[in-house]
Amino acid sequence: MTFTGSRIAVITLLHAPDGGRSLTALPKLQEEAIKAQSADIDTVTGATETSESYKTSLQAAIDARGKQR
């Protein structure tokens, strides 16, 4: 994740599925997370596992940044 000040500016995926519903779900999840400035975002219908994994990873990155400050 890249922050501008305290705001999430960019989310870069290190690993991502290469097929299925995840291909369309991940951009939506990224957009919503940046808009919400949080991992507290809705699950994408049809991609529940991907959504939950994404939110968990995103929250871990946010928490790690907080510990670095």
C-alpha atoms as a PDB file:
ATOM      1  CA  MET A   1       0.000   0.000   0.000  1.00  0.00           C
ATOM      2  CA  THR A   2       1.079   3.518  -0.723  1.00  0.00           C
ATOM      3  CA  PHE A   3      -0.103   6.310   1.514  1.00  0.00           C
ATOM      4  CA  THR A   4      -0.300  10.023   0.883  1.00  0.00           C
ATOM      5  CA  GLY A   5      -0.084  11.383   4.383  1.00  0.00           C
ATOM      6  CA  SER A   6      -2.505   9.216   6.315  1.00  0.00           C
ATOM      7  CA  ARG A   7      -4.686   8.379   3.291  1.00  0.00           C
ATOM      8  CA  ILE A   8      -4.507   5.170   1.264  1.00  0.00           C
ATOM      9  CA  ALA A   9      -3.490   6.252  -2.236  1.00  0.00           C
ATOM     10  CA  VAL A  10      -2.592   2.999  -4.013  1.00  0.00           C
ATOM     11  CA  ILE A  11      -3.107  -0.681  -3.246  1.00  0.00           C
ATOM     12  CA  THR A  12      -0.768  -3.060  -5.065  1.00  0.00           C
ATOM     13  CA  LEU A  13      -1.479  -6.777  -5.038  1.00  0.00           C
ATOM     14  CA  LEU A  14       1.521  -9.008  -4.459  1.00  0.00           C
ATOM     15  CA  HIS A  15      -0.375 -12.213  -5.286  1.00  0.00           C
ATOM     16  CA  ALA A  16      -3.708 -12.566  -7.043  1.00  0.00           C
ATOM     17  CA  PRO A  17      -5.734 -15.389  -8.555  1.00  0.00           C
ATOM     18  CA  ASP A  18      -5.392 -15.603 -12.324  1.00  0.00           C
ATOM     19  CA  GLY A  19      -8.927 -16.597 -13.174  1.00  0.00           C
ATOM     20  CA  GLY A  20     -12.561 -16.780 -12.209  1.00  0.00           C
ATOM     21  CA  ARG A  21     -14.666 -14.166 -10.507  1.00  0.00           C
ATOM     22  CA  SER A  22     -11.596 -12.784  -8.725  1.00  0.00           C
ATOM     23  CA  LEU A  23     -10.488 -11.026 -11.900  1.00  0.00           C
ATOM     24  CA  THR A  24     -13.514  -8.748 -11.785  1.00  0.00           C
ATOM     25  CA  ALA A  25     -13.830  -8.659  -7.992  1.00  0.00           C
ATOM     26  CA  LEU A  26     -10.338  -7.392  -7.178  1.00  0.00           C
ATOM     27  CA  PRO A  27     -10.590  -4.044  -8.996  1.00  0.00           C
ATOM     28  CA  LYS A  28     -13.941  -3.421  -7.266  1.00  0.00           C
ATOM     29  CA  LEU A  29     -12.458  -4.269  -3.888  1.00  0.00           C
ATOM     30  CA  GLN A  30      -9.501  -1.955  -4.485  1.00  0.00           C
ATOM     31  CA  GLU A  31     -11.754   0.904  -5.552  1.00  0.00           C
ATOM     32  CA  GLU A  32     -14.016   0.470  -2.525  1.00  0.00           C
ATOM     33  CA  ALA A  33     -11.095   0.240  -0.101  1.00  0.00           C
ATOM     34  CA  ILE A  34      -9.555   3.454  -1.401  1.00  0.00           C
ATOM     35  CA  LYS A  35     -12.935   5.178  -1.294  1.00  0.00           C
ATOM     36  CA  ALA A  36     -13.611   3.930   2.256  1.00  0.00           C
ATOM     37  CA  GLN A  37      -9.989   4.405   3.414  1.00  0.00           C
ATOM     38  CA  SER A  38     -10.535   1.177   5.290  1.00  0.00           C
ATOM     39  CA  ALA A  39     -10.762  -2.604   5.032  1.00  0.00           C
ATOM     40  CA  ASP A  40     -14.379  -2.314   6.159  1.00  0.00           C
ATOM     41  CA  ILE A  41     -15.874  -2.827   2.710  1.00  0.00           C
ATOM     42  CA  ASP A  42     -18.625  -4.978   1.240  1.00  0.00           C
ATOM     43  CA  THR A  43     -18.018  -8.479  -0.051  1.00  0.00           C
ATOM     44  CA  VAL A  44     -18.337  -8.867  -3.833  1.00  0.00           C
ATOM     45  CA  THR A  45     -21.182 -11.228  -4.670  1.00  0.00           C
ATOM     46  CA  GLY A  46     -19.871 -14.459  -6.133  1.00  0.00           C
ATOM     47  CA  ALA A  47     -16.355 -13.837  -4.825  1.00  0.00           C
ATOM     48  CA  THR A  48     -16.812 -14.248  -1.092  1.00  0.00           C
ATOM     49  CA  GLU A  49     -13.557 -16.096  -0.441  1.00  0.00           C
ATOM     50  CA  THR A  50     -11.544 -13.605  -2.483  1.00  0.00           C
ATOM     51  CA  SER A  51     -13.289 -10.680  -0.789  1.00  0.00           C
ATOM     52  CA  GLU A  52     -12.678 -11.994   2.714  1.00  0.00           C
ATOM     53  CA  SER A  53      -9.024 -12.761   1.970  1.00  0.00           C
ATOM     54  CA  TYR A  54      -8.569  -9.312   0.440  1.00  0.00           C
ATOM     55  CA  LYS A  55     -10.106  -7.563   3.432  1.00  0.00           C
ATOM     56  CA  THR A  56      -8.004  -9.582   5.886  1.00  0.00           C
ATOM     57  CA  SER A  57      -4.786  -8.796   3.996  1.00  0.00           C
ATOM     58  CA  LEU A  58      -5.693  -5.146   3.641  1.00  0.00           C
ATOM     59  CA  GLN A  59      -6.390  -4.819   7.364  1.00  0.00           C
ATOM     60  CA  ALA A  60      -3.059  -6.488   8.155  1.00  0.00           C
ATOM     61  CA  ALA A  61      -1.258  -3.950   5.944  1.00  0.00           C
ATOM     62  CA  ILE A  62      -3.095  -1.061   7.593  1.00  0.00           C
ATOM     63  CA  ASP A  63      -2.238  -2.435  11.047  1.00  0.00           C
ATOM     64  CA  ALA A  64       1.424  -2.907  10.093  1.00  0.00           C
ATOM     65  CA  ARG A  65       1.657   0.687   8.935  1.00  0.00           C
ATOM     66  CA  GLY A  66       0.206   1.853  12.224  1.00  0.00           C
ATOM     67  CA  LYS A  67       2.926  -0.013  14.109  1.00  0.00           C
ATOM     68  CA  GLN A  68       5.634   1.596  11.964  1.00  0.00           C
ATOM     69  CA  ARG A  69       4.528   5.108  12.843  1.00  0.00           C
END
